[in-house]
Amino acid sequence: MKHTAPKKESSWISTIGFKDGVIEIHCKNGKVMRYQSGAPEVPALTEADYEAFLEAESPGRFYNAKLKGIYQGSTVNLDAEPA
Protein backbone atom coordinates (compact mmCIF):
# COMPACT_ATOMS: atom_id res chain seq x y z
CA MET A 1 0.00 0.00 0.00
CA LYS A 2 1.43 3.36 -1.04
CA HIS A 3 1.33 6.11 1.61
CA THR A 4 1.33 9.87 1.20
CA ALA A 5 1.64 12.66 3.75
CA PRO A 6 -1.46 14.85 4.05
CA LYS A 7 -1.21 18.28 2.36
CA LYS A 8 -1.67 20.06 5.70
CA GLU A 9 0.55 19.28 8.68
CA SER A 10 -1.06 17.10 11.32
CA SER A 11 -0.01 16.81 14.95
CA TRP A 12 -0.57 13.05 14.91
CA ILE A 13 -0.97 11.75 11.33
CA SER A 14 2.24 10.97 9.48
CA THR A 15 0.97 9.32 6.28
CA ILE A 16 -2.25 8.00 4.77
CA GLY A 17 -2.63 5.04 2.41
CA PHE A 18 -5.49 3.52 0.44
CA LYS A 19 -6.08 0.16 -1.23
CA ASP A 20 -9.17 -1.93 -1.97
CA GLY A 21 -11.59 0.08 0.18
CA VAL A 22 -9.21 0.38 3.14
CA ILE A 23 -7.70 3.62 4.45
CA GLU A 24 -4.54 3.08 6.49
CA ILE A 25 -3.23 5.80 8.80
CA HIS A 26 0.36 5.81 10.04
CA CYS A 27 0.58 7.91 13.19
CA LYS A 28 3.59 9.89 14.33
CA ASN A 29 3.71 7.78 17.52
CA GLY A 30 4.22 4.61 15.41
CA LYS A 31 0.64 3.33 15.68
CA VAL A 32 -0.99 2.08 12.46
CA MET A 33 -4.77 2.08 12.03
CA ARG A 34 -6.96 0.72 9.23
CA TYR A 35 -10.53 1.74 8.46
CA GLN A 36 -13.03 0.01 6.21
CA SER A 37 -16.75 -0.52 5.88
CA GLY A 38 -17.90 -3.10 8.39
CA ALA A 39 -21.64 -3.10 7.67
CA PRO A 40 -23.80 -3.30 4.55
CA GLU A 41 -25.41 0.09 5.28
CA VAL A 42 -22.00 1.83 5.44
CA PRO A 43 -20.67 2.67 1.96
CA ALA A 44 -17.22 1.39 1.03
CA LEU A 45 -14.36 3.84 1.23
CA THR A 46 -13.24 5.07 -2.17
CA GLU A 47 -10.28 6.72 -3.85
CA ALA A 48 -12.26 9.99 -3.60
CA ASP A 49 -12.48 9.60 0.20
CA TYR A 50 -8.73 9.03 0.33
CA GLU A 51 -8.04 12.11 -1.82
CA ALA A 52 -10.38 14.22 0.35
CA PHE A 53 -8.50 13.05 3.46
CA LEU A 54 -5.15 14.03 1.88
CA GLU A 55 -6.50 17.45 0.85
CA ALA A 56 -8.35 18.23 4.10
CA GLU A 57 -7.69 21.56 5.79
CA SER A 58 -7.32 19.56 9.02
CA PRO A 59 -6.58 15.83 8.68
CA GLY A 60 -7.51 15.28 12.33
CA ARG A 61 -10.91 16.93 11.95
CA PHE A 62 -11.53 14.94 8.75
CA TYR A 63 -10.71 11.73 10.63
CA ASN A 64 -13.08 12.63 13.50
CA ALA A 65 -15.94 13.66 11.19
CA LYS A 66 -15.65 11.09 8.38
CA LEU A 67 -13.97 7.92 9.73
CA LYS A 68 -14.04 7.57 13.52
CA GLY A 69 -17.22 5.90 14.73
CA ILE A 70 -18.53 5.38 11.18
CA TYR A 71 -16.10 2.89 9.70
CA GLN A 72 -14.73 -0.24 11.32
CA GLY A 73 -11.26 0.52 12.65
CA SER A 74 -8.44 -1.70 13.78
CA THR A 75 -4.92 -1.23 15.05
CA VAL A 76 -2.34 -3.07 12.95
CA ASN A 77 0.96 -4.67 13.89
CA LEU A 78 2.90 -4.43 10.62
CA ASP A 79 5.71 -6.62 12.01
CA ALA A 80 3.24 -9.54 12.31
CA GLU A 81 2.00 -9.27 8.71
CA PRO A 82 3.51 -11.29 5.87
CA ALA A 83 5.76 -9.29 3.54
C-alpha atoms as a PDB file:
ATOM      1  CA  MET A   1       0.000   0.000   0.000  1.00  0.00           C
ATOM      2  CA  LYS A   2       1.432   3.363  -1.042  1.00  0.00           C
ATOM      3  CA  HIS A   3       1.326   6.110   1.612  1.00  0.00           C
ATOM      4  CA  THR A   4       1.327   9.867   1.200  1.00  0.00           C
ATOM      5  CA  ALA A   5       1.644  12.663   3.748  1.00  0.00           C
ATOM      6  CA  PRO A   6      -1.462  14.852   4.054  1.00  0.00           C
ATOM      7  CA  LYS A   7      -1.209  18.280   2.360  1.00  0.00           C
ATOM      8  CA  LYS A   8      -1.667  20.062   5.701  1.00  0.00           C
ATOM      9  CA  GLU A   9       0.549  19.281   8.681  1.00  0.00           C
ATOM     10  CA  SER A  10      -1.061  17.096  11.325  1.00  0.00           C
ATOM     11  CA  SER A  11      -0.014  16.813  14.948  1.00  0.00           C
ATOM     12  CA  TRP A  12      -0.575  13.048  14.909  1.00  0.00           C
ATOM     13  CA  ILE A  13      -0.973  11.749  11.329  1.00  0.00           C
ATOM     14  CA  SER A  14       2.240  10.972   9.480  1.00  0.00           C
ATOM     15  CA  THR A  15       0.974   9.320   6.285  1.00  0.00           C
ATOM     16  CA  ILE A  16      -2.252   8.004   4.771  1.00  0.00           C
ATOM     17  CA  GLY A  17      -2.631   5.045   2.411  1.00  0.00           C
ATOM     18  CA  PHE A  18      -5.488   3.517   0.445  1.00  0.00           C
ATOM     19  CA  LYS A  19      -6.078   0.160  -1.230  1.00  0.00           C
ATOM     20  CA  ASP A  20      -9.167  -1.933  -1.967  1.00  0.00           C
ATOM     21  CA  GLY A  21     -11.587   0.082   0.184  1.00  0.00           C
ATOM     22  CA  VAL A  22      -9.214   0.382   3.145  1.00  0.00           C
ATOM     23  CA  ILE A  23      -7.702   3.620   4.447  1.00  0.00           C
ATOM     24  CA  GLU A  24      -4.543   3.082   6.489  1.00  0.00           C
ATOM     25  CA  ILE A  25      -3.227   5.798   8.797  1.00  0.00           C
ATOM     26  CA  HIS A  26       0.355   5.808  10.043  1.00  0.00           C
ATOM     27  CA  CYS A  27       0.576   7.910  13.193  1.00  0.00           C
ATOM     28  CA  LYS A  28       3.586   9.885  14.334  1.00  0.00           C
ATOM     29  CA  ASN A  29       3.710   7.778  17.518  1.00  0.00           C
ATOM     30  CA  GLY A  30       4.220   4.607  15.415  1.00  0.00           C
ATOM     31  CA  LYS A  31       0.637   3.330  15.676  1.00  0.00           C
ATOM     32  CA  VAL A  32      -0.990   2.084  12.457  1.00  0.00           C
ATOM     33  CA  MET A  33      -4.766   2.077  12.034  1.00  0.00           C
ATOM     34  CA  ARG A  34      -6.964   0.718   9.234  1.00  0.00           C
ATOM     35  CA  TYR A  35     -10.529   1.740   8.463  1.00  0.00           C
ATOM     36  CA  GLN A  36     -13.033   0.009   6.206  1.00  0.00           C
ATOM     37  CA  SER A  37     -16.751  -0.522   5.878  1.00  0.00           C
ATOM     38  CA  GLY A  38     -17.904  -3.097   8.394  1.00  0.00           C
ATOM     39  CA  ALA A  39     -21.636  -3.103   7.675  1.00  0.00           C
ATOM     40  CA  PRO A  40     -23.802  -3.302   4.550  1.00  0.00           C
ATOM     41  CA  GLU A  41     -25.411   0.087   5.276  1.00  0.00           C
ATOM     42  CA  VAL A  42     -21.998   1.832   5.443  1.00  0.00           C
ATOM     43  CA  PRO A  43     -20.668   2.670   1.960  1.00  0.00           C
ATOM     44  CA  ALA A  44     -17.217   1.385   1.025  1.00  0.00           C
ATOM     45  CA  LEU A  45     -14.356   3.836   1.231  1.00  0.00           C
ATOM     46  CA  THR A  46     -13.242   5.072  -2.170  1.00  0.00           C
ATOM     47  CA  GLU A  47     -10.276   6.717  -3.850  1.00  0.00           C
ATOM     48  CA  ALA A  48     -12.259   9.989  -3.600  1.00  0.00           C
ATOM     49  CA  ASP A  49     -12.483   9.597   0.203  1.00  0.00           C
ATOM     50  CA  TYR A  50      -8.730   9.031   0.329  1.00  0.00           C
ATOM     51  CA  GLU A  51      -8.044  12.108  -1.819  1.00  0.00           C
ATOM     52  CA  ALA A  52     -10.381  14.222   0.347  1.00  0.00           C
ATOM     53  CA  PHE A  53      -8.496  13.049   3.457  1.00  0.00           C
ATOM     54  CA  LEU A  54      -5.155  14.026   1.883  1.00  0.00           C
ATOM     55  CA  GLU A  55      -6.496  17.446   0.853  1.00  0.00           C
ATOM     56  CA  ALA A  56      -8.351  18.229   4.098  1.00  0.00           C
ATOM     57  CA  GLU A  57      -7.687  21.557   5.785  1.00  0.00           C
ATOM     58  CA  SER A  58      -7.317  19.564   9.019  1.00  0.00           C
ATOM     59  CA  PRO A  59      -6.581  15.829   8.677  1.00  0.00           C
ATOM     60  CA  GLY A  60      -7.507  15.276  12.333  1.00  0.00           C
ATOM     61  CA  ARG A  61     -10.908  16.931  11.945  1.00  0.00           C
ATOM     62  CA  PHE A  62     -11.532  14.945   8.746  1.00  0.00           C
ATOM     63  CA  TYR A  63     -10.713  11.727  10.630  1.00  0.00           C
ATOM     64  CA  ASN A  64     -13.078  12.630  13.496  1.00  0.00           C
ATOM     65  CA  ALA A  65     -15.939  13.658  11.187  1.00  0.00           C
ATOM     66  CA  LYS A  66     -15.655  11.090   8.383  1.00  0.00           C
ATOM     67  CA  LEU A  67     -13.970   7.918   9.728  1.00  0.00           C
ATOM     68  CA  LYS A  68     -14.036   7.565  13.518  1.00  0.00           C
ATOM     69  CA  GLY A  69     -17.219   5.895  14.728  1.00  0.00           C
ATOM     70  CA  ILE A  70     -18.529   5.380  11.178  1.00  0.00           C
ATOM     71  CA  TYR A  71     -16.100   2.891   9.696  1.00  0.00           C
ATOM     72  CA  GLN A  72     -14.734  -0.241  11.318  1.00  0.00           C
ATOM     73  CA  GLY A  73     -11.256   0.523  12.649  1.00  0.00           C
ATOM     74  CA  SER A  74      -8.444  -1.698  13.782  1.00  0.00           C
ATOM     75  CA  THR A  75      -4.917  -1.230  15.048  1.00  0.00           C
ATOM     76  CA  VAL A  76      -2.344  -3.074  12.955  1.00  0.00           C
ATOM     77  CA  ASN A  77       0.964  -4.667  13.892  1.00  0.00           C
ATOM     78  CA  LEU A  78       2.903  -4.431  10.623  1.00  0.00           C
ATOM     79  CA  ASP A  79       5.712  -6.619  12.014  1.00  0.00           C
ATOM     80  CA  ALA A  80       3.241  -9.539  12.308  1.00  0.00           C
ATOM     81  CA  GLU A  81       2.000  -9.266   8.712  1.00  0.00           C
ATOM     82  CA  PRO A  82       3.508 -11.290   5.867  1.00  0.00           C
ATOM     83  CA  ALA A  83       5.761  -9.293   3.539  1.00  0.00           C
END
